[in-house]
Amino acid sequence: MTYKFNNKDKVDRLNTSGPVRVRKIFEELGPTYIKLGQLLSMRHDLIPLEYAAEFAKLQDEAPSFEFEEVELIIREELGHPIEELYECFEKKTTCLCIYWAGAQGKDKRWR
């Protein structure tokens, strides 16, 4: 599965500082690396402060993608459409993290 983000500005490696460059690369690489950047942003003891500050932008400025892609990912990964798995599912993306919030229990695996 390939995750496509609306990342219009690819990394300009010549005119971008190290922390900004790494953050943009994480954004290009997708959800796993965005989550890694979010975690690293809280670890000032592991990385330099300028990197932590730049990675903190991934907390609330992470790129989003269209709801249709969310539907497709959920259907492919979980084997059921959203309506069968969730009582309520917001179509507006407020964060990159999707958590198990309200399964209807139609499938024994999700009880």
PDB file of N, CA and C in Angstrom:
ATOM      1  N   MET A   1       0.850  -1.176   0.000  1.00  0.00           N
ATOM      2  CA  MET A   1       0.000   0.000   0.000  1.00  0.00           C
ATOM      3  C   MET A   1       0.890   1.231   0.000  1.00  0.00           C
ATOM      4  N   THR A   2       0.625   2.129  -0.899  1.00  0.00           N
ATOM      5  CA  THR A   2       1.358   3.378  -0.967  1.00  0.00           C
ATOM      6  C   THR A   2       0.465   4.489  -0.453  1.00  0.00           C
ATOM      7  N   TYR A   3       0.962   5.304   0.438  1.00  0.00           N
ATOM      8  CA  TYR A   3       0.211   6.421   0.979  1.00  0.00           C
ATOM      9  C   TYR A   3       0.650   7.677   0.254  1.00  0.00           C
ATOM     10  N   LYS A   4      -0.298   8.375  -0.348  1.00  0.00           N
ATOM     11  CA  LYS A   4       0.011   9.570  -1.119  1.00  0.00           C
ATOM     12  C   LYS A   4      -0.454  10.797  -0.350  1.00  0.00           C
ATOM     13  N   PHE A   5       0.457  11.656  -0.004  1.00  0.00           N
ATOM     14  CA  PHE A   5       0.132  12.873   0.700  1.00  0.00           C
ATOM     15  C   PHE A   5       0.126  14.040  -0.267  1.00  0.00           C
ATOM     16  N   ASN A   6      -0.597  15.063   0.078  1.00  0.00           N
ATOM     17  CA  ASN A   6      -0.634  16.273  -0.732  1.00  0.00           C
ATOM     18  C   ASN A   6       0.583  17.129  -0.418  1.00  0.00           C
ATOM     19  N   ASN A   7       1.743  16.579  -0.622  1.00  0.00           N
ATOM     20  CA  ASN A   7       2.992  17.259  -0.316  1.00  0.00           C
ATOM     21  C   ASN A   7       3.498  17.938  -1.581  1.00  0.00           C
ATOM     22  N   LYS A   8       3.114  19.206  -1.744  1.00  0.00           N
ATOM     23  CA  LYS A   8       3.431  19.926  -2.967  1.00  0.00           C
ATOM     24  C   LYS A   8       4.877  20.370  -3.044  1.00  0.00           C
ATOM     25  N   ASP A   9       5.502  20.548  -1.892  1.00  0.00           N
ATOM     26  CA  ASP A   9       6.888  21.027  -1.927  1.00  0.00           C
ATOM     27  C   ASP A   9       7.842  19.910  -1.524  1.00  0.00           C
ATOM     28  N   LYS A  10       8.422  19.281  -2.520  1.00  0.00           N
ATOM     29  CA  LYS A  10       9.432  18.254  -2.259  1.00  0.00           C
ATOM     30  C   LYS A  10      10.649  18.920  -1.629  1.00  0.00           C
ATOM     31  N   VAL A  11      11.463  18.144  -1.003  1.00  0.00           N
ATOM     32  CA  VAL A  11      12.615  18.679  -0.283  1.00  0.00           C
ATOM     33  C   VAL A  11      13.611  19.324  -1.250  1.00  0.00           C
ATOM     34  N   ASP A  12      13.938  20.575  -0.997  1.00  0.00           N
ATOM     35  CA  ASP A  12      14.987  21.281  -1.734  1.00  0.00           C
ATOM     36  C   ASP A  12      16.253  21.125  -0.904  1.00  0.00           C
ATOM     37  N   ARG A  13      17.072  20.162  -1.274  1.00  0.00           N
ATOM     38  CA  ARG A  13      18.223  19.792  -0.460  1.00  0.00           C
ATOM     39  C   ARG A  13      19.310  20.854  -0.406  1.00  0.00           C
ATOM     40  N   LEU A  14      19.316  21.770  -1.361  1.00  0.00           N
ATOM     41  CA  LEU A  14      20.370  22.782  -1.368  1.00  0.00           C
ATOM     42  C   LEU A  14      20.023  24.011  -0.543  1.00  0.00           C
ATOM     43  N   ASN A  15      18.749  24.356  -0.460  1.00  0.00           N
ATOM     44  CA  ASN A  15      18.352  25.606   0.193  1.00  0.00           C
ATOM     45  C   ASN A  15      17.589  25.399   1.494  1.00  0.00           C
ATOM     46  N   THR A  16      17.721  24.246   2.099  1.00  0.00           N
ATOM     47  CA  THR A  16      16.969  23.938   3.310  1.00  0.00           C
ATOM     48  C   THR A  16      17.919  23.500   4.418  1.00  0.00           C
ATOM     49  N   SER A  17      17.638  23.969   5.641  1.00  0.00           N
ATOM     50  CA  SER A  17      18.469  23.579   6.783  1.00  0.00           C
ATOM     51  C   SER A  17      18.280  22.097   7.095  1.00  0.00           C
ATOM     52  N   GLY A  18      19.212  21.531   7.842  1.00  0.00           N
ATOM     53  CA  GLY A  18      19.162  20.111   8.200  1.00  0.00           C
ATOM     54  C   GLY A  18      17.865  19.695   8.859  1.00  0.00           C
ATOM     55  N   PRO A  19      17.419  20.376   9.931  1.00  0.00           N
ATOM     56  CA  PRO A  19      16.182  19.963  10.595  1.00  0.00           C
ATOM     57  C   PRO A  19      14.954  20.040   9.684  1.00  0.00           C
ATOM     58  N   VAL A  20      14.849  21.109   8.895  1.00  0.00           N
ATOM     59  CA  VAL A  20      13.706  21.245   7.977  1.00  0.00           C
ATOM     60  C   VAL A  20      13.762  20.153   6.923  1.00  0.00           C
ATOM     61  N   ARG A  21      14.930  19.894   6.411  1.00  0.00           N
ATOM     62  CA  ARG A  21      15.112  18.866   5.383  1.00  0.00           C
ATOM     63  C   ARG A  21      14.682  17.496   5.913  1.00  0.00           C
ATOM     64  N   VAL A  22      15.097  17.151   7.118  1.00  0.00           N
ATOM     65  CA  VAL A  22      14.741  15.841   7.686  1.00  0.00           C
ATOM     66  C   VAL A  22      13.238  15.764   7.936  1.00  0.00           C
ATOM     67  N   ARG A  23      12.631  16.853   8.447  1.00  0.00           N
ATOM     68  CA  ARG A  23      11.177  16.845   8.668  1.00  0.00           C
ATOM     69  C   ARG A  23      10.431  16.629   7.350  1.00  0.00           C
ATOM     70  N   LYS A  24      10.848  17.321   6.295  1.00  0.00           N
ATOM     71  CA  LYS A  24      10.176  17.162   5.008  1.00  0.00           C
ATOM     72  C   LYS A  24      10.378  15.761   4.436  1.00  0.00           C
ATOM     73  N   ILE A  25      11.538  15.197   4.650  1.00  0.00           N
ATOM     74  CA  ILE A  25      11.777  13.815   4.206  1.00  0.00           C
ATOM     75  C   ILE A  25      10.855  12.867   4.961  1.00  0.00           C
ATOM     76  N   PHE A  26      10.706  13.056   6.282  1.00  0.00           N
ATOM     77  CA  PHE A  26       9.773  12.233   7.051  1.00  0.00           C
ATOM     78  C   PHE A  26       8.366  12.357   6.474  1.00  0.00           C
ATOM     79  N   GLU A  27       7.947  13.581   6.120  1.00  0.00           N
ATOM     80  CA  GLU A  27       6.619  13.777   5.545  1.00  0.00           C
ATOM     81  C   GLU A  27       6.480  13.027   4.229  1.00  0.00           C
ATOM     82  N   GLU A  28       7.505  13.071   3.394  1.00  0.00           N
ATOM     83  CA  GLU A  28       7.474  12.361   2.118  1.00  0.00           C
ATOM     84  C   GLU A  28       7.408  10.848   2.306  1.00  0.00           C
ATOM     85  N   LEU A  29       8.052  10.341   3.355  1.00  0.00           N
ATOM     86  CA  LEU A  29       8.093   8.896   3.588  1.00  0.00           C
ATOM     87  C   LEU A  29       6.791   8.348   4.146  1.00  0.00           C
ATOM     88  N   GLY A  30       5.942   9.197   4.713  1.00  0.00           N
ATOM     89  CA  GLY A  30       4.619   8.753   5.112  1.00  0.00           C
ATOM     90  C   GLY A  30       4.389   8.604   6.603  1.00  0.00           C
ATOM     91  N   PRO A  31       3.268   7.954   6.950  1.00  0.00           N
ATOM     92  CA  PRO A  31       2.761   7.909   8.322  1.00  0.00           C
ATOM     93  C   PRO A  31       3.729   7.360   9.372  1.00  0.00           C
ATOM     94  N   THR A  32       4.453   6.319   9.057  1.00  0.00           N
ATOM     95  CA  THR A  32       5.359   5.731  10.039  1.00  0.00           C
ATOM     96  C   THR A  32       6.470   6.706  10.414  1.00  0.00           C
ATOM     97  N   TYR A  33       7.010   7.380   9.414  1.00  0.00           N
ATOM     98  CA  TYR A  33       8.092   8.329   9.689  1.00  0.00           C
ATOM     99  C   TYR A  33       7.573   9.615  10.323  1.00  0.00           C
ATOM    100  N   ILE A  34       6.343   9.992   9.997  1.00  0.00           N
ATOM    101  CA  ILE A  34       5.739  11.144  10.679  1.00  0.00           C
ATOM    102  C   ILE A  34       5.580  10.826  12.157  1.00  0.00           C
ATOM    103  N   LYS A  35       5.118   9.634  12.458  1.00  0.00           N
ATOM    104  CA  LYS A  35       4.971   9.217  13.855  1.00  0.00           C
ATOM    105  C   LYS A  35       6.327   9.182  14.551  1.00  0.00           C
ATOM    106  N   LEU A  36       7.358   8.700  13.861  1.00  0.00           N
ATOM    107  CA  LEU A  36       8.708   8.709  14.420  1.00  0.00           C
ATOM    108  C   LEU A  36       9.148  10.140  14.742  1.00  0.00           C
ATOM    109  N   GLY A  37       8.905  11.062  13.810  1.00  0.00           N
ATOM    110  CA  GLY A  37       9.247  12.464  14.043  1.00  0.00           C
ATOM    111  C   GLY A  37       8.486  13.046  15.223  1.00  0.00           C
ATOM    112  N   GLN A  38       7.213  12.684  15.362  1.00  0.00           N
ATOM    113  CA  GLN A  38       6.418  13.148  16.505  1.00  0.00           C
ATOM    114  C   GLN A  38       7.022  12.656  17.816  1.00  0.00           C
ATOM    115  N   LEU A  39       7.412  11.396  17.838  1.00  0.00           N
ATOM    116  CA  LEU A  39       8.017  10.833  19.055  1.00  0.00           C
ATOM    117  C   LEU A  39       9.363  11.498  19.356  1.00  0.00           C
ATOM    118  N   LEU A  40      10.179  11.665  18.319  1.00  0.00           N
ATOM    119  CA  LEU A  40      11.494  12.290  18.521  1.00  0.00           C
ATOM    120  C   LEU A  40      11.372  13.738  18.986  1.00  0.00           C
ATOM    121  N   SER A  41      10.304  14.420  18.596  1.00  0.00           N
ATOM    122  CA  SER A  41      10.140  15.823  18.994  1.00  0.00           C
ATOM    123  C   SER A  41      10.054  15.987  20.509  1.00  0.00           C
ATOM    124  N   MET A  42       9.688  14.937  21.180  1.00  0.00           N
ATOM    125  CA  MET A  42       9.572  14.985  22.642  1.00  0.00           C
ATOM    126  C   MET A  42      10.820  14.490  23.356  1.00  0.00           C
ATOM    127  N   ARG A  43      11.836  14.084  22.607  1.00  0.00           N
ATOM    128  CA  ARG A  43      13.036  13.511  23.200  1.00  0.00           C
ATOM    129  C   ARG A  43      14.241  14.442  23.027  1.00  0.00           C
ATOM    130  N   HIS A  44      14.205  15.549  23.756  1.00  0.00           N
ATOM    131  CA  HIS A  44      15.308  16.520  23.698  1.00  0.00           C
ATOM    132  C   HIS A  44      16.614  15.924  24.195  1.00  0.00           C
ATOM    133  N   ASP A  45      16.506  14.831  24.935  1.00  0.00           N
ATOM    134  CA  ASP A  45      17.713  14.182  25.442  1.00  0.00           C
ATOM    135  C   ASP A  45      18.390  13.315  24.374  1.00  0.00           C
ATOM    136  N   LEU A  46      17.677  13.004  23.274  1.00  0.00           N
ATOM    137  CA  LEU A  46      18.240  12.157  22.226  1.00  0.00           C
ATOM    138  C   LEU A  46      18.697  12.918  20.988  1.00  0.00           C
ATOM    139  N   ILE A  47      18.021  14.024  20.688  1.00  0.00           N
ATOM    140  CA  ILE A  47      18.337  14.763  19.466  1.00  0.00           C
ATOM    141  C   ILE A  47      18.556  16.239  19.795  1.00  0.00           C
ATOM    142  N   PRO A  48      19.267  16.971  18.936  1.00  0.00           N
ATOM    143  CA  PRO A  48      19.483  18.395  19.174  1.00  0.00           C
ATOM    144  C   PRO A  48      18.155  19.168  19.226  1.00  0.00           C
ATOM    145  N   LEU A  49      18.143  20.252  19.985  1.00  0.00           N
ATOM    146  CA  LEU A  49      16.923  21.036  20.171  1.00  0.00           C
ATOM    147  C   LEU A  49      16.344  21.558  18.860  1.00  0.00           C
ATOM    148  N   GLU A  50      17.205  21.965  17.915  1.00  0.00           N
ATOM    149  CA  GLU A  50      16.667  22.495  16.654  1.00  0.00           C
ATOM    150  C   GLU A  50      15.914  21.421  15.869  1.00  0.00           C
ATOM    151  N   TYR A  51      16.340  20.166  15.975  1.00  0.00           N
ATOM    152  CA  TYR A  51      15.610  19.073  15.325  1.00  0.00           C
ATOM    153  C   TYR A  51      14.306  18.802  16.071  1.00  0.00           C
ATOM    154  N   ALA A  52      14.354  18.797  17.389  1.00  0.00           N
ATOM    155  CA  ALA A  52      13.141  18.564  18.177  1.00  0.00           C
ATOM    156  C   ALA A  52      12.092  19.640  17.881  1.00  0.00           C
ATOM    157  N   ALA A  53      12.537  20.890  17.781  1.00  0.00           N
ATOM    158  CA  ALA A  53      11.606  21.986  17.488  1.00  0.00           C
ATOM    159  C   ALA A  53      10.982  21.816  16.098  1.00  0.00           C
ATOM    160  N   GLU A  54      11.775  21.418  15.132  1.00  0.00           N
ATOM    161  CA  GLU A  54      11.259  21.220  13.774  1.00  0.00           C
ATOM    162  C   GLU A  54      10.331  20.013  13.718  1.00  0.00           C
ATOM    163  N   PHE A  55      10.689  18.931  14.390  1.00  0.00           N
ATOM    164  CA  PHE A  55       9.840  17.740  14.410  1.00  0.00           C
ATOM    165  C   PHE A  55       8.526  18.008  15.147  1.00  0.00           C
ATOM    166  N   ALA A  56       8.513  18.974  16.064  1.00  0.00           N
ATOM    167  CA  ALA A  56       7.286  19.323  16.785  1.00  0.00           C
ATOM    168  C   ALA A  56       6.206  19.799  15.810  1.00  0.00           C
ATOM    169  N   LYS A  57       6.613  20.314  14.657  1.00  0.00           N
ATOM    170  CA  LYS A  57       5.642  20.734  13.641  1.00  0.00           C
ATOM    171  C   LYS A  57       4.837  19.548  13.124  1.00  0.00           C
ATOM    172  N   LEU A  58       5.365  18.353  13.248  1.00  0.00           N
ATOM    173  CA  LEU A  58       4.638  17.163  12.822  1.00  0.00           C
ATOM    174  C   LEU A  58       3.500  16.830  13.783  1.00  0.00           C
ATOM    175  N   GLN A  59       3.486  17.441  14.961  1.00  0.00           N
ATOM    176  CA  GLN A  59       2.408  17.196  15.917  1.00  0.00           C
ATOM    177  C   GLN A  59       1.078  17.757  15.415  1.00  0.00           C
ATOM    178  N   ASP A  60       1.111  18.984  14.869  1.00  0.00           N
ATOM    179  CA  ASP A  60      -0.146  19.606  14.457  1.00  0.00           C
ATOM    180  C   ASP A  60      -0.129  20.139  13.028  1.00  0.00           C
ATOM    181  N   GLU A  61       0.962  19.955  12.321  1.00  0.00           N
ATOM    182  CA  GLU A  61       1.044  20.423  10.940  1.00  0.00           C
ATOM    183  C   GLU A  61       1.354  19.283   9.972  1.00  0.00           C
ATOM    184  N   ALA A  62       1.044  18.079  10.368  1.00  0.00           N
ATOM    185  CA  ALA A  62       1.317  16.920   9.507  1.00  0.00           C
ATOM    186  C   ALA A  62       0.422  16.980   8.280  1.00  0.00           C
ATOM    187  N   PRO A  63       0.925  16.531   7.138  1.00  0.00           N
ATOM    188  CA  PRO A  63       0.108  16.569   5.922  1.00  0.00           C
ATOM    189  C   PRO A  63      -1.080  15.620   6.021  1.00  0.00           C
ATOM    190  N   SER A  64      -2.153  15.983   5.367  1.00  0.00           N
ATOM    191  CA  SER A  64      -3.346  15.135   5.377  1.00  0.00           C
ATOM    192  C   SER A  64      -3.547  14.534   3.995  1.00  0.00           C
ATOM    193  N   PHE A  65      -4.528  13.653   3.890  1.00  0.00           N
ATOM    194  CA  PHE A  65      -4.880  13.100   2.591  1.00  0.00           C
ATOM    195  C   PHE A  65      -6.386  12.966   2.529  1.00  0.00           C
ATOM    196  N   GLU A  66      -6.905  12.718   1.358  1.00  0.00           N
ATOM    197  CA  GLU A  66      -8.345  12.711   1.106  1.00  0.00           C
ATOM    198  C   GLU A  66      -9.052  11.566   1.833  1.00  0.00           C
ATOM    199  N   PHE A  67     -10.313  11.828   2.213  1.00  0.00           N
ATOM    200  CA  PHE A  67     -11.104  10.837   2.928  1.00  0.00           C
ATOM    201  C   PHE A  67     -11.293   9.561   2.104  1.00  0.00           C
ATOM    202  N   GLU A  68     -11.402   9.695   0.790  1.00  0.00           N
ATOM    203  CA  GLU A  68     -11.563   8.523  -0.067  1.00  0.00           C
ATOM    204  C   GLU A  68     -10.384   7.568   0.091  1.00  0.00           C
ATOM    205  N   GLU A  69      -9.194   8.117   0.300  1.00  0.00           N
ATOM    206  CA  GLU A  69      -8.028   7.266   0.505  1.00  0.00           C
ATOM    207  C   GLU A  69      -8.093   6.581   1.868  1.00  0.00           C
ATOM    208  N   VAL A  70      -8.610   7.289   2.870  1.00  0.00           N
ATOM    209  CA  VAL A  70      -8.799   6.689   4.194  1.00  0.00           C
ATOM    210  C   VAL A  70      -9.748   5.499   4.083  1.00  0.00           C
ATOM    211  N   GLU A  71     -10.860   5.694   3.380  1.00  0.00           N
ATOM    212  CA  GLU A  71     -11.819   4.605   3.188  1.00  0.00           C
ATOM    213  C   GLU A  71     -11.162   3.393   2.527  1.00  0.00           C
ATOM    214  N   LEU A  72     -10.388   3.651   1.491  1.00  0.00           N
ATOM    215  CA  LEU A  72      -9.718   2.573   0.768  1.00  0.00           C
ATOM    216  C   LEU A  72      -8.725   1.826   1.663  1.00  0.00           C
ATOM    217  N   ILE A  73      -7.937   2.565   2.426  1.00  0.00           N
ATOM    218  CA  ILE A  73      -6.954   1.951   3.323  1.00  0.00           C
ATOM    219  C   ILE A  73      -7.645   1.067   4.354  1.00  0.00           C
ATOM    220  N   ILE A  74      -8.709   1.584   4.970  1.00  0.00           N
ATOM    221  CA  ILE A  74      -9.428   0.817   5.999  1.00  0.00           C
ATOM    222  C   ILE A  74     -10.045  -0.441   5.388  1.00  0.00           C
ATOM    223  N   ARG A  75     -10.657  -0.292   4.222  1.00  0.00           N
ATOM    224  CA  ARG A  75     -11.279  -1.454   3.571  1.00  0.00           C
ATOM    225  C   ARG A  75     -10.232  -2.522   3.233  1.00  0.00           C
ATOM    226  N   GLU A  76      -9.086  -2.103   2.704  1.00  0.00           N
ATOM    227  CA  GLU A  76      -8.041  -3.058   2.328  1.00  0.00           C
ATOM    228  C   GLU A  76      -7.375  -3.695   3.548  1.00  0.00           C
ATOM    229  N   GLU A  77      -7.110  -2.900   4.569  1.00  0.00           N
ATOM    230  CA  GLU A  77      -6.383  -3.406   5.741  1.00  0.00           C
ATOM    231  C   GLU A  77      -7.270  -4.214   6.682  1.00  0.00           C
ATOM    232  N   LEU A  78      -8.539  -3.799   6.851  1.00  0.00           N
ATOM    233  CA  LEU A  78      -9.420  -4.457   7.823  1.00  0.00           C
ATOM    234  C   LEU A  78     -10.459  -5.371   7.168  1.00  0.00           C
ATOM    235  N   GLY A  79     -10.584  -5.283   5.855  1.00  0.00           N
ATOM    236  CA  GLY A  79     -11.474  -6.185   5.148  1.00  0.00           C
ATOM    237  C   GLY A  79     -12.947  -5.830   5.186  1.00  0.00           C
ATOM    238  N   HIS A  80     -13.292  -4.668   5.710  1.00  0.00           N
ATOM    239  CA  HIS A  80     -14.685  -4.244   5.803  1.00  0.00           C
ATOM    240  C   HIS A  80     -14.771  -2.741   5.553  1.00  0.00           C
ATOM    241  N   PRO A  81     -15.915  -2.279   5.045  1.00  0.00           N
ATOM    242  CA  PRO A  81     -16.083  -0.833   4.891  1.00  0.00           C
ATOM    243  C   PRO A  81     -16.225  -0.150   6.249  1.00  0.00           C
ATOM    244  N   ILE A  82     -15.956   1.136   6.272  1.00  0.00           N
ATOM    245  CA  ILE A  82     -16.003   1.919   7.523  1.00  0.00           C
ATOM    246  C   ILE A  82     -17.339   1.752   8.232  1.00  0.00           C
ATOM    247  N   GLU A  83     -18.444   1.785   7.465  1.00  0.00           N
ATOM    248  CA  GLU A  83     -19.782   1.731   8.074  1.00  0.00           C
ATOM    249  C   GLU A  83     -19.999   0.468   8.895  1.00  0.00           C
ATOM    250  N   GLU A  84     -19.356  -0.630   8.520  1.00  0.00           N
ATOM    251  CA  GLU A  84     -19.504  -1.882   9.260  1.00  0.00           C
ATOM    252  C   GLU A  84     -18.634  -1.932  10.508  1.00  0.00           C
ATOM    253  N   LEU A  85     -17.592  -1.125  10.561  1.00  0.00           N
ATOM    254  CA  LEU A  85     -16.647  -1.184  11.673  1.00  0.00           C
ATOM    255  C   LEU A  85     -16.864  -0.111  12.726  1.00  0.00           C
ATOM    256  N   TYR A  86     -17.374   1.043  12.317  1.00  0.00           N
ATOM    257  CA  TYR A  86     -17.492   2.185  13.231  1.00  0.00           C
ATOM    258  C   TYR A  86     -18.919   2.705  13.269  1.00  0.00           C
ATOM    259  N   GLU A  87     -19.362   3.074  14.453  1.00  0.00           N
ATOM    260  CA  GLU A  87     -20.655   3.740  14.588  1.00  0.00           C
ATOM    261  C   GLU A  87     -20.565   5.160  14.050  1.00  0.00           C
ATOM    262  N   CYS A  88     -19.423   5.789  14.284  1.00  0.00           N
ATOM    263  CA  CYS A  88     -19.216   7.168  13.875  1.00  0.00           C
ATOM    264  C   CYS A  88     -17.781   7.314  13.389  1.00  0.00           C
ATOM    265  N   PHE A  89     -17.614   7.985  12.265  1.00  0.00           N
ATOM    266  CA  PHE A  89     -16.268   8.206  11.739  1.00  0.00           C
ATOM    267  C   PHE A  89     -16.255   9.567  11.078  1.00  0.00           C
ATOM    268  N   GLU A  90     -15.487  10.505  11.646  1.00  0.00           N
ATOM    269  CA  GLU A  90     -15.416  11.864  11.121  1.00  0.00           C
ATOM    270  C   GLU A  90     -14.702  11.883   9.781  1.00  0.00           C
ATOM    271  N   LYS A  91     -15.280  12.536   8.803  1.00  0.00           N
ATOM    272  CA  LYS A  91     -14.658  12.625   7.486  1.00  0.00           C
ATOM    273  C   LYS A  91     -13.587  13.703   7.428  1.00  0.00           C
ATOM    274  N   LYS A  92     -13.658  14.663   8.314  1.00  0.00           N
ATOM    275  CA  LYS A  92     -12.654  15.724   8.334  1.00  0.00           C
ATOM    276  C   LYS A  92     -11.422  15.232   9.078  1.00  0.00           C
ATOM    277  N   THR A  93     -10.257  15.346   8.433  1.00  0.00           N
ATOM    278  CA  THR A  93      -9.013  14.904   9.051  1.00  0.00           C
ATOM    279  C   THR A  93      -8.569  15.938  10.074  1.00  0.00           C
ATOM    280  N   THR A  94      -8.465  15.510  11.340  1.00  0.00           N
ATOM    281  CA  THR A  94      -7.983  16.411  12.379  1.00  0.00           C
ATOM    282  C   THR A  94      -6.600  16.023  12.850  1.00  0.00           C
ATOM    283  N   CYS A  95      -6.191  14.804  12.581  1.00  0.00           N
ATOM    284  CA  CYS A  95      -4.837  14.379  12.910  1.00  0.00           C
ATOM    285  C   CYS A  95      -4.516  13.142  12.086  1.00  0.00           C
ATOM    286  N   LEU A  96      -3.287  12.780  12.063  1.00  0.00           N
ATOM    287  CA  LEU A  96      -2.861  11.636  11.269  1.00  0.00           C
ATOM    288  C   LEU A  96      -3.237  10.319  11.945  1.00  0.00           C
ATOM    289  N   CYS A  97      -3.393  10.357  13.236  1.00  0.00           N
ATOM    290  CA  CYS A  97      -3.633   9.145  14.002  1.00  0.00           C
ATOM    291  C   CYS A  97      -5.102   8.754  13.948  1.00  0.00           C
ATOM    292  N   ILE A  98      -5.391   7.536  13.521  1.00  0.00           N
ATOM    293  CA  ILE A  98      -6.745   6.988  13.564  1.00  0.00           C
ATOM    294  C   ILE A  98      -6.749   5.940  14.663  1.00  0.00           C
ATOM    295  N   TYR A  99      -7.629   6.085  15.619  1.00  0.00           N
ATOM    296  CA  TYR A  99      -7.651   5.129  16.717  1.00  0.00           C
ATOM    297  C   TYR A  99      -8.991   4.404  16.759  1.00  0.00           C
ATOM    298  N   TRP A 100      -9.014   3.275  17.428  1.00  0.00           N
ATOM    299  CA  TRP A 100     -10.205   2.443  17.536  1.00  0.00           C
ATOM    300  C   TRP A 100     -11.163   3.101  18.511  1.00  0.00           C
ATOM    301  N   ALA A 101     -12.197   3.779  17.979  1.00  0.00           N
ATOM    302  CA  ALA A 101     -13.038   4.609  18.828  1.00  0.00           C
ATOM    303  C   ALA A 101     -14.430   4.054  19.065  1.00  0.00           C
ATOM    304  N   GLY A 102     -14.955   3.264  18.176  1.00  0.00           N
ATOM    305  CA  GLY A 102     -16.325   2.829  18.398  1.00  0.00           C
ATOM    306  C   GLY A 102     -16.741   1.702  17.476  1.00  0.00           C
ATOM    307  N   ALA A 103     -16.173   0.568  17.656  1.00  0.00           N
ATOM    308  CA  ALA A 103     -16.535  -0.577  16.817  1.00  0.00           C
ATOM    309  C   ALA A 103     -17.940  -1.035  17.164  1.00  0.00           C
ATOM    310  N   GLN A 104     -18.696  -1.403  16.152  1.00  0.00           N
ATOM    311  CA  GLN A 104     -20.057  -1.866  16.376  1.00  0.00           C
ATOM    312  C   GLN A 104     -20.096  -3.322  16.822  1.00  0.00           C
ATOM    313  N   GLY A 105     -18.995  -4.020  16.654  1.00  0.00           N
ATOM    314  CA  GLY A 105     -18.933  -5.405  17.102  1.00  0.00           C
ATOM    315  C   GLY A 105     -19.610  -6.378  16.157  1.00  0.00           C
ATOM    316  N   LYS A 106     -19.764  -6.021  14.888  1.00  0.00           N
ATOM    317  CA  LYS A 106     -20.375  -6.940  13.921  1.00  0.00           C
ATOM    318  C   LYS A 106     -19.437  -8.073  13.552  1.00  0.00           C
ATOM    319  N   ASP A 107     -18.185  -7.893  13.805  1.00  0.00           N
ATOM    320  CA  ASP A 107     -17.181  -8.914  13.478  1.00  0.00           C
ATOM    321  C   ASP A 107     -16.556  -9.331  14.819  1.00  0.00           C
ATOM    322  N   LYS A 108     -16.544 -10.619  15.113  1.00  0.00           N
ATOM    323  CA  LYS A 108     -16.058 -11.097  16.405  1.00  0.00           C
ATOM    324  C   LYS A 108     -14.620 -10.693  16.683  1.00  0.00           C
ATOM    325  N   ARG A 109     -13.818 -10.473  15.618  1.00  0.00           N
ATOM    326  CA  ARG A 109     -12.428 -10.086  15.827  1.00  0.00           C
ATOM    327  C   ARG A 109     -12.312  -8.739  16.535  1.00  0.00           C
ATOM    328  N   TRP A 110     -13.328  -7.889  16.399  1.00  0.00           N
ATOM    329  CA  TRP A 110     -13.224  -6.516  16.910  1.00  0.00           C
ATOM    330  C   TRP A 110     -13.988  -6.315  18.213  1.00  0.00           C
ATOM    331  N   ARG A 111     -14.449  -7.373  18.842  1.00  0.00           N
ATOM    332  CA  ARG A 111     -15.146  -7.228  20.133  1.00  0.00           C
ATOM    333  C   ARG A 111     -14.194  -7.196  21.285  1.00  0.00           C
TER     334      ARG A 111
END
